[in-house]
Amino acid sequence: MTDYYEILQIEKTATQVQIKHSYKRLAKIHHPDRGGDKEMFQKIQMAYETLSDDQKRKEYDNPIPDIFGGGFQGGFPMGEGFPMGREGFPFDFLFKNGNNKKKTNTNYLLKIKLSDVYFGLKKTLNVKHDIKCDNCNTKCSVCNGTCKVKKVLSMGMMQIIQEQPCLNCNGYGITKGKSNCIECDNKGVKVKKNTIQINIPRGVEDGRQIVFEGLGEQPKTDNEIVGDFIVVIKIEDNNLFKREGLDLIYEKDITFKESVIGKEILIPHFEKEFKINTKTFGIINPNKRYVVYNKGLKNDNGNEGNLYIKFNVQYDEKILNEDQIKALTEIL
């Protein structure tokens, strides 16, 4: 009996959340479209379809005794007799379609400025995606849109049912009925447009994802689920400030003389530039950051960062005479 828990790399006490998380992780690794092993991917899907359904998991965890002498061990539900499929065949329950497959999510990289992080931003996007044309696409009459057909194998008094891709629709579940469709220009798909409003909060982090459910890749068959449209925030570098959480780091060049006697400098800011005299910090230490409170970034929770200034002291290369050295020594 195949160990589904081992395939999904989880404990038998795993919760549904843990099962789903492990499935998504392993599916990404082993998906054939990403160079993974097709057979392993199918095992992962089968394991997930069983363990993610509470009833199927209960039946899997509590197999009946080996009444066939080694032929069918475990996996059958407890009870009298065997469950019959909707077409009256024993063991048909083993071949039911599992959970519907979700289509690919669409990722959109949205570049914003640091000033957008400070103020917040509302942006409108026009999203386009292809959908199947209902005017010319019809449900396959052979598989009834399930994408698969069943083949019955007789084994004495038993009948085993296998599922195979439907050749009539090539496993898509739909067939093209009209040869000249004006709605989709005979392509079988047409473009659907959606307008979405993106509200980017103040203080948003780089890499933040905003999910719009149902606006990703559209299903082509009845057993597929629409994907999502995911906006990924990318914050562009700022030539004035560096960011550390909600704090801002600003660098300023000053001379050695200015670091000692002080200098009034102009600090740029998103709302309004402001002046500050370095004398308020005392003699400037180039290895230290000086803080100006509540001048950093903000977020919608009311939190506010600080502005930290790092002074790069430029030392004069000219040689001091003995009187200047003496005077400076007495001062310092």
Protein backbone atom coordinates (compact mmCIF):
# COMPACT_ATOMS: atom_id res chain seq x y z
CA MET A 1 0.00 0.00 0.00
CA THR A 2 1.44 3.34 -1.04
CA ASP A 3 2.25 5.62 1.90
CA TYR A 4 0.63 8.93 1.02
CA TYR A 5 2.01 10.57 4.16
CA GLU A 6 5.55 9.68 3.12
CA ILE A 7 4.94 11.01 -0.40
CA LEU A 8 3.76 14.37 0.97
CA GLN A 9 6.54 14.33 3.61
CA ILE A 10 4.15 14.88 6.51
CA GLU A 11 3.23 13.16 9.76
CA LYS A 12 0.03 11.14 10.10
CA THR A 13 -1.20 13.76 12.56
CA ALA A 14 -0.78 16.59 10.01
CA THR A 15 -3.56 19.17 9.80
CA GLN A 16 -5.30 20.13 6.56
CA VAL A 17 -3.29 23.36 6.51
CA GLN A 18 -0.03 21.40 6.78
CA ILE A 19 -1.17 18.97 4.07
CA LYS A 20 -2.03 21.78 1.69
CA HIS A 21 1.23 23.64 2.37
CA SER A 22 3.34 20.53 1.76
CA TYR A 23 1.39 19.68 -1.40
CA LYS A 24 1.94 23.13 -2.91
CA ARG A 25 5.65 23.00 -2.10
CA LEU A 26 6.19 19.56 -3.61
CA ALA A 27 3.95 20.23 -6.63
CA LYS A 28 6.10 23.20 -7.59
CA ILE A 29 9.26 21.09 -7.37
CA HIS A 30 7.97 18.08 -9.32
CA HIS A 31 5.64 19.74 -11.85
CA PRO A 32 6.49 18.43 -15.35
CA ASP A 33 6.27 21.94 -16.83
CA ARG A 34 9.15 22.91 -14.53
CA GLY A 35 11.28 19.90 -15.42
CA GLY A 36 9.98 17.66 -12.67
CA ASP A 37 9.19 13.96 -12.76
CA LYS A 38 5.71 13.32 -14.17
CA GLU A 39 5.21 10.04 -12.32
CA MET A 40 6.20 11.58 -8.99
CA PHE A 41 3.92 14.56 -9.66
CA GLN A 42 0.99 12.20 -10.25
CA LYS A 43 1.74 10.40 -6.96
CA ILE A 44 1.76 13.74 -5.14
CA GLN A 45 -1.59 14.67 -6.68
CA MET A 46 -3.11 11.32 -5.77
CA ALA A 47 -1.84 11.59 -2.20
CA TYR A 48 -3.21 15.11 -1.84
CA GLU A 49 -6.61 14.21 -3.32
CA THR A 50 -6.94 11.47 -0.73
CA LEU A 51 -5.60 13.18 2.39
CA SER A 52 -7.21 16.57 1.72
CA ASP A 53 -10.67 14.95 1.79
CA ASP A 54 -11.67 14.04 5.36
CA GLN A 55 -13.79 11.06 4.29
CA LYS A 56 -11.18 9.68 1.88
CA ARG A 57 -8.50 10.14 4.51
CA LYS A 58 -10.57 8.24 7.05
CA GLU A 59 -11.07 5.38 4.61
CA TYR A 60 -7.34 5.39 3.77
CA ASP A 61 -6.31 5.37 7.44
CA ASN A 62 -8.70 2.50 8.24
CA PRO A 63 -8.33 -0.17 5.53
CA ILE A 64 -10.35 -3.36 5.58
CA PRO A 65 -8.65 -6.74 6.00
CA ASP A 66 -7.02 -8.39 2.99
CA ILE A 67 -10.02 -10.45 1.90
CA PHE A 68 -8.56 -10.96 -1.59
CA GLY A 69 -5.41 -12.70 -0.41
CA GLY A 70 -3.03 -9.91 -1.38
CA GLY A 71 -4.86 -8.41 -4.33
CA PHE A 72 -6.40 -5.32 -2.77
CA GLN A 73 -5.02 -4.34 0.61
CA GLY A 74 -6.41 -1.26 2.25
CA GLY A 75 -8.03 1.84 0.93
CA PHE A 76 -11.59 0.41 0.86
CA PRO A 77 -14.17 1.95 3.18
CA MET A 78 -15.56 -0.07 6.04
CA GLY A 79 -19.12 -1.32 5.79
CA GLU A 80 -21.25 -4.00 4.23
CA GLY A 81 -20.45 -4.94 0.67
CA PHE A 82 -18.72 -2.61 -1.76
CA PRO A 83 -19.82 0.89 -2.81
CA MET A 84 -21.21 1.11 -6.31
CA GLY A 85 -20.30 3.86 -8.77
CA ARG A 86 -22.91 6.04 -10.40
CA GLU A 87 -22.91 3.63 -13.34
CA GLY A 88 -23.31 0.58 -11.13
CA PHE A 89 -19.75 -0.76 -11.30
CA PRO A 90 -17.97 -1.93 -8.16
CA PHE A 91 -14.81 0.01 -7.27
CA ASP A 92 -15.95 2.97 -9.37
CA PHE A 93 -15.34 5.12 -6.30
CA LEU A 94 -11.59 4.55 -6.81
CA PHE A 95 -11.63 6.41 -10.10
CA LYS A 96 -13.66 9.50 -9.34
CA ASN A 97 -12.17 12.78 -10.46
CA GLY A 98 -10.25 14.44 -7.65
CA ASN A 99 -10.17 18.12 -6.78
CA ASN A 100 -10.44 20.48 -9.69
CA LYS A 101 -7.14 21.76 -11.02
CA LYS A 102 -6.40 25.43 -10.59
CA LYS A 103 -5.07 27.33 -13.56
CA THR A 104 -1.84 29.32 -13.48
CA ASN A 105 -1.70 32.53 -11.47
CA THR A 106 -0.70 35.68 -13.37
CA ASN A 107 2.02 37.76 -11.69
CA TYR A 108 2.30 41.48 -12.43
CA LEU A 109 5.38 43.44 -11.26
CA LEU A 110 4.34 46.92 -10.18
CA LYS A 111 7.24 49.35 -9.73
CA ILE A 112 6.66 52.23 -7.32
CA LYS A 113 8.78 55.04 -5.87
CA LEU A 114 9.83 55.56 -2.26
CA SER A 115 7.57 58.61 -2.19
CA ASP A 116 4.65 56.27 -2.99
CA VAL A 117 5.63 54.25 0.08
CA TYR A 118 5.50 57.44 2.16
CA PHE A 119 2.14 58.74 0.92
CA GLY A 120 0.46 55.50 -0.21
CA LEU A 121 -0.82 55.01 -3.74
CA LYS A 122 -4.00 54.17 -5.62
CA LYS A 123 -3.52 52.78 -9.10
CA THR A 124 -5.84 51.49 -11.80
CA LEU A 125 -4.88 48.53 -13.98
CA ASN A 126 -6.57 47.12 -17.05
CA VAL A 127 -6.28 43.34 -16.98
CA LYS A 128 -6.83 41.27 -20.12
CA HIS A 129 -7.13 37.52 -20.36
CA ASP A 130 -8.39 34.93 -22.81
CA ILE A 131 -11.60 33.07 -22.05
CA LYS A 132 -13.22 30.26 -23.96
CA CYS A 133 -15.87 31.34 -26.42
CA ASP A 134 -19.20 29.91 -25.30
CA ASN A 135 -20.69 30.74 -28.68
CA CYS A 136 -18.66 28.11 -30.52
CA ASN A 137 -17.30 25.84 -27.80
CA THR A 138 -19.64 23.13 -26.55
CA LYS A 139 -19.31 20.43 -23.92
CA CYS A 140 -17.92 17.22 -25.35
CA SER A 141 -20.75 14.76 -25.97
CA VAL A 142 -18.50 11.75 -25.41
CA CYS A 143 -17.02 12.56 -21.99
CA ASN A 144 -19.68 15.11 -20.96
CA GLY A 145 -16.97 17.67 -20.23
CA THR A 146 -15.03 15.50 -17.78
CA CYS A 147 -12.04 15.20 -20.17
CA LYS A 148 -11.86 11.44 -19.52
CA VAL A 149 -13.69 8.30 -20.55
CA LYS A 150 -13.99 5.05 -18.64
CA LYS A 151 -12.87 1.69 -19.89
CA VAL A 152 -14.38 -1.39 -18.25
CA LEU A 153 -12.19 -4.46 -17.72
CA SER A 154 -13.96 -7.71 -16.87
CA MET A 155 -12.13 -10.02 -14.48
CA GLY A 156 -14.48 -12.93 -13.89
CA MET A 157 -17.23 -11.67 -11.60
CA MET A 158 -15.39 -8.41 -11.04
CA GLN A 159 -15.29 -5.35 -13.21
CA ILE A 160 -12.44 -2.85 -12.97
CA ILE A 161 -12.83 0.61 -14.41
CA GLN A 162 -9.94 2.60 -15.82
CA GLU A 163 -10.00 6.25 -16.86
CA GLN A 164 -8.38 7.41 -20.08
CA PRO A 165 -8.15 10.82 -21.81
CA CYS A 166 -11.09 11.43 -24.12
CA LEU A 167 -9.89 11.24 -27.72
CA ASN A 168 -12.93 13.08 -29.04
CA CYS A 169 -11.91 16.36 -27.36
CA ASN A 170 -8.21 15.54 -26.79
CA GLY A 171 -8.75 15.73 -23.06
CA TYR A 172 -10.08 19.32 -23.04
CA GLY A 173 -13.71 18.51 -22.27
CA ILE A 174 -14.98 20.87 -24.96
CA THR A 175 -15.29 20.69 -28.72
CA LYS A 176 -15.58 23.42 -31.29
CA GLY A 177 -19.07 23.33 -32.70
CA LYS A 178 -19.16 26.21 -35.19
CA SER A 179 -16.71 26.60 -38.02
CA ASN A 180 -17.21 30.36 -38.49
CA CYS A 181 -17.69 32.20 -35.20
CA ILE A 182 -17.90 35.98 -35.39
CA GLU A 183 -17.54 36.46 -31.63
CA CYS A 184 -14.03 35.05 -31.42
CA ASP A 185 -12.99 35.21 -35.09
CA ASN A 186 -12.97 31.43 -35.14
CA LYS A 187 -10.17 31.23 -32.55
CA GLY A 188 -12.16 29.46 -29.87
CA VAL A 189 -11.15 32.08 -27.29
CA LYS A 190 -11.91 35.75 -26.86
CA VAL A 191 -10.42 38.58 -24.80
CA LYS A 192 -12.08 39.67 -21.58
CA LYS A 193 -11.11 42.97 -19.96
CA ASN A 194 -11.28 43.83 -16.27
CA THR A 195 -10.39 47.08 -14.51
CA ILE A 196 -8.96 46.71 -11.01
CA GLN A 197 -8.18 49.29 -8.34
CA ILE A 198 -4.96 48.72 -6.42
CA ASN A 199 -4.68 50.36 -3.01
CA ILE A 200 -1.06 50.38 -1.92
CA PRO A 201 -0.83 51.22 1.80
CA ARG A 202 1.70 53.57 3.32
CA GLY A 203 4.86 51.85 4.48
CA VAL A 204 4.40 48.90 2.12
CA GLU A 205 7.32 46.47 2.03
CA ASP A 206 9.25 45.53 -1.09
CA GLY A 207 7.95 42.23 -2.52
CA ARG A 208 4.47 42.62 -1.00
CA GLN A 209 1.83 40.67 -2.95
CA ILE A 210 -1.73 41.85 -3.51
CA VAL A 211 -4.00 39.04 -4.74
CA PHE A 212 -7.05 39.49 -6.97
CA GLU A 213 -8.83 36.17 -6.98
CA GLY A 214 -10.24 34.84 -10.23
CA LEU A 215 -8.46 37.24 -12.58
CA GLY A 216 -5.60 34.96 -13.62
CA GLU A 217 -5.54 32.29 -16.33
CA GLN A 218 -9.07 31.28 -17.24
CA PRO A 219 -10.33 27.66 -17.32
CA LYS A 220 -10.82 25.86 -20.61
CA THR A 221 -12.64 22.85 -19.19
CA ASP A 222 -15.29 22.20 -16.55
CA ASN A 223 -12.83 20.61 -14.13
CA GLU A 224 -10.48 23.60 -14.04
CA ILE A 225 -10.55 26.53 -11.62
CA VAL A 226 -9.63 30.05 -12.62
CA GLY A 227 -6.22 31.33 -11.49
CA ASP A 228 -5.50 34.54 -9.58
CA PHE A 229 -3.96 37.85 -10.63
CA ILE A 230 -1.12 38.72 -8.24
CA VAL A 231 0.40 42.20 -8.07
CA VAL A 232 4.00 42.10 -6.77
CA ILE A 233 5.31 45.41 -5.39
CA LYS A 234 8.83 46.45 -6.44
CA ILE A 235 10.19 49.60 -4.79
CA GLU A 236 12.70 51.46 -6.94
CA ASP A 237 15.96 52.70 -5.42
CA ASN A 238 15.96 56.28 -4.17
CA ASN A 239 19.00 58.50 -4.84
CA LEU A 240 18.55 60.43 -1.55
CA PHE A 241 17.44 57.91 1.04
CA LYS A 242 18.05 54.31 1.96
CA ARG A 243 15.31 52.44 3.73
CA GLU A 244 15.47 50.27 6.84
CA GLY A 245 11.93 49.26 7.75
CA LEU A 246 10.13 52.53 8.43
CA ASP A 247 13.42 54.38 9.05
CA LEU A 248 15.21 56.48 6.43
CA ILE A 249 18.99 56.87 6.12
CA TYR A 250 20.38 60.11 4.67
CA GLU A 251 24.08 60.83 4.00
CA LYS A 252 25.55 64.34 3.95
CA ASP A 253 29.08 65.53 3.15
CA ILE A 254 30.56 68.23 5.41
CA THR A 255 34.05 69.59 5.93
CA PHE A 256 36.12 68.98 9.03
CA LYS A 257 35.67 72.63 10.01
CA GLU A 258 31.88 72.32 9.67
CA SER A 259 31.92 69.15 11.75
CA VAL A 260 33.49 71.12 14.59
CA ILE A 261 31.86 74.56 14.45
CA GLY A 262 28.56 73.42 12.95
CA LYS A 263 26.66 74.16 9.75
CA GLU A 264 23.07 74.78 8.79
CA ILE A 265 22.06 72.18 6.23
CA LEU A 266 18.91 71.65 4.18
CA ILE A 267 17.35 68.18 4.41
CA PRO A 268 15.04 67.12 1.55
CA HIS A 269 11.83 65.41 2.57
CA PHE A 270 8.72 64.03 0.91
CA GLU A 271 6.32 66.49 2.52
CA LYS A 272 8.58 69.56 2.84
CA GLU A 273 12.32 70.15 3.10
CA PHE A 274 13.57 71.37 6.45
CA LYS A 275 16.72 72.94 7.92
CA ILE A 276 18.86 71.70 10.75
CA ASN A 277 22.07 73.01 12.34
CA THR A 278 24.68 70.37 13.05
CA LYS A 279 25.68 72.27 16.21
CA THR A 280 22.69 70.63 17.90
CA PHE A 281 24.59 67.34 17.61
CA GLY A 282 27.88 68.68 19.01
CA ILE A 283 31.11 67.75 17.27
CA ILE A 284 30.21 65.37 14.48
CA ASN A 285 31.44 61.80 14.68
CA PRO A 286 31.60 60.31 11.15
CA ASN A 287 31.07 56.82 12.58
CA LYS A 288 27.77 57.71 14.21
CA ARG A 289 24.22 58.17 12.97
CA TYR A 290 22.28 61.20 14.19
CA VAL A 291 18.53 60.89 14.57
CA VAL A 292 15.73 63.26 13.64
CA TYR A 293 12.61 61.78 15.19
CA ASN A 294 9.37 61.11 13.29
CA LYS A 295 10.79 62.05 9.89
CA GLY A 296 10.84 58.52 8.49
CA LEU A 297 8.14 56.54 6.72
CA LYS A 298 4.65 55.95 8.08
CA ASN A 299 2.20 53.08 7.83
CA ASP A 300 -1.57 52.83 8.07
CA ASN A 301 -1.34 51.44 11.60
CA GLY A 302 -0.09 54.80 12.87
CA ASN A 303 3.54 53.76 13.24
CA GLU A 304 6.20 56.27 12.23
CA GLY A 305 9.91 55.83 11.59
CA ASN A 306 12.85 58.18 12.12
CA LEU A 307 15.35 59.88 9.83
CA TYR A 308 18.98 59.00 10.51
CA ILE A 309 21.76 61.25 9.18
CA LYS A 310 25.25 59.94 8.53
CA PHE A 311 27.83 62.68 8.01
CA ASN A 312 30.79 62.05 5.73
CA VAL A 313 33.51 64.35 7.05
CA GLN A 314 35.84 65.67 4.32
CA TYR A 315 39.26 66.42 5.80
CA ASP A 316 41.33 69.33 4.42
CA GLU A 317 44.64 68.17 2.97
CA LYS A 318 46.50 71.44 3.58
CA ILE A 319 49.19 71.37 6.29
CA LEU A 320 48.56 73.31 9.51
CA ASN A 321 51.33 75.48 10.93
CA GLU A 322 52.57 75.09 14.50
CA ASP A 323 50.43 77.95 15.89
CA GLN A 324 47.29 76.44 14.35
CA ILE A 325 48.13 73.01 15.70
CA LYS A 326 48.76 74.49 19.17
CA ALA A 327 45.50 76.44 19.12
CA LEU A 328 43.57 73.41 17.95
CA THR A 329 45.16 71.24 20.62
CA GLU A 330 44.14 73.69 23.34
CA ILE A 331 40.55 73.75 22.07
CA LEU A 332 40.17 69.99 21.75
